[in-house]
Every structure is written in structure tokens, then in C-alpha cells.
């Protein structure tokens, strides 16, 4: 029961990795608020006013926020740069980059005031290596990594850790946003020859979100089946 007495926010917690994390934290004694467009606390992470309202409602419902797992995200269009739609680029950045900034910014005052916090921002191996025909997604996840490293240096003195996780492909509903050719490409890059599972990702993320993770901060944790090259 390592999360007994802890209060967690999981964005994108209705499906995929976020859902697995939310279930595991709850099973280990934590209180969980899910921020998603269709959740009990409906949240559009690309809209700061919506995020602020979610913070207020979360504090009302579970008393505070000790943990933030930022799992919400979109793939954006899967096309070459020379034909990449401008609105697709803007939307991908709004959700994946602005959304990460907004959620982190909104919860930080609470964590700083209580001198404790655990933040896990879900990036992607694409943010380190780049995937062809996925420039917006790759760039947005690279931004998540850089943001997390910067944040960690600012918050370390408050016993707040901030780490990023870079999964390779995991079969979740986000696959519905990709063409099969791109899914096949991602699988071909994984030496283990299979996709990761949400449970494998949740195991790593929940350690990073726990009190056990007390000295690792500003780090990038790969869970890529051997794909990561650095």
C-alpha cells in the first residue's frame, strides 16, 4: 500500500497507460482524480482555464495533489513535413506541449506549499529518435523531455521529483490515430519484436510516482524493448 494517504492526478486516465496507472495507484491505497475530456472531472488540458477548474475540483474531492502523472496526448497527423497540415501541427503542440506545461504549472503551487510532489510526464521514444512522418508528435515529445529536465532542477529543493518516461509503441487506443504502415514501422524498430504493455509501463511510472523514488529527478526512463539508442 505504498500510495496510502497520497492523492494523485492522472491525465488521460480513462484509457491506455493512464488508465493502468490510475488503477494501480488506487489498488495500492491512493486516491485518484482522473482528468480527461469525458471523466468525472472533465478537463481539456490544452485550455488553462479548464485545468485550473480541474485543480479546484480535485482539491475539493480528494483534499490535495501529491502526484501528477501526465499521460494525455495525441499523435497528430502522420504525413511528411512538406504536406503537414498547419492546424494539425498547432493542435498537437497545444495538447502535448501546452497541456504538459499547463498541468504541471497548475499543480506546482500545491506541491511547493506542502514541500512534496511526484511528477511523471509521459514522453515517447519518438522524442529522442524522431519518427518519420510524425514530426509534430516527435517534436512535441522532445519538448516534454526538455521541459521535465528544466522543471526538475527548479523543484528539487522542495522534495518534488519530475521525471519523464519514453515508451516505445504500446498498443492502446492511440493506435486508432495512426495508419497501419506507421504501426508496422514502429514494431520493426523494437528488438524484442513486440509492443510494450500498459502494465509494464504502469509498473515503472508508479515507482517514479512513489516515495521510493526520492533521488532520481530530471531523468528520462526508457521502456522501449531495446529500441532506445541513448
Foldseek 3Di string as FASTA:
>chain_A
DQAAPAEEEFEPCPWFLNVLLQVVSVVVHYHYDYEDCPGPLDAQLLDLVSLLSSQVVSCVPPNAHAEYEYDDAAQFFQAAPVPHDPVSLVVRLSCLPSSLVSNCVNRVVRLLVVLHHFYEYEAALCCVVNDGSRVSNNVSSVNVLVVQLVVQVVNLRSQYAGEYEHEQDEDMCSCVNDDVVSVVVSQVLAPQNDHDYSNVVSVVVVCSGGVVVRPDHSYYHYDYNPNDPD
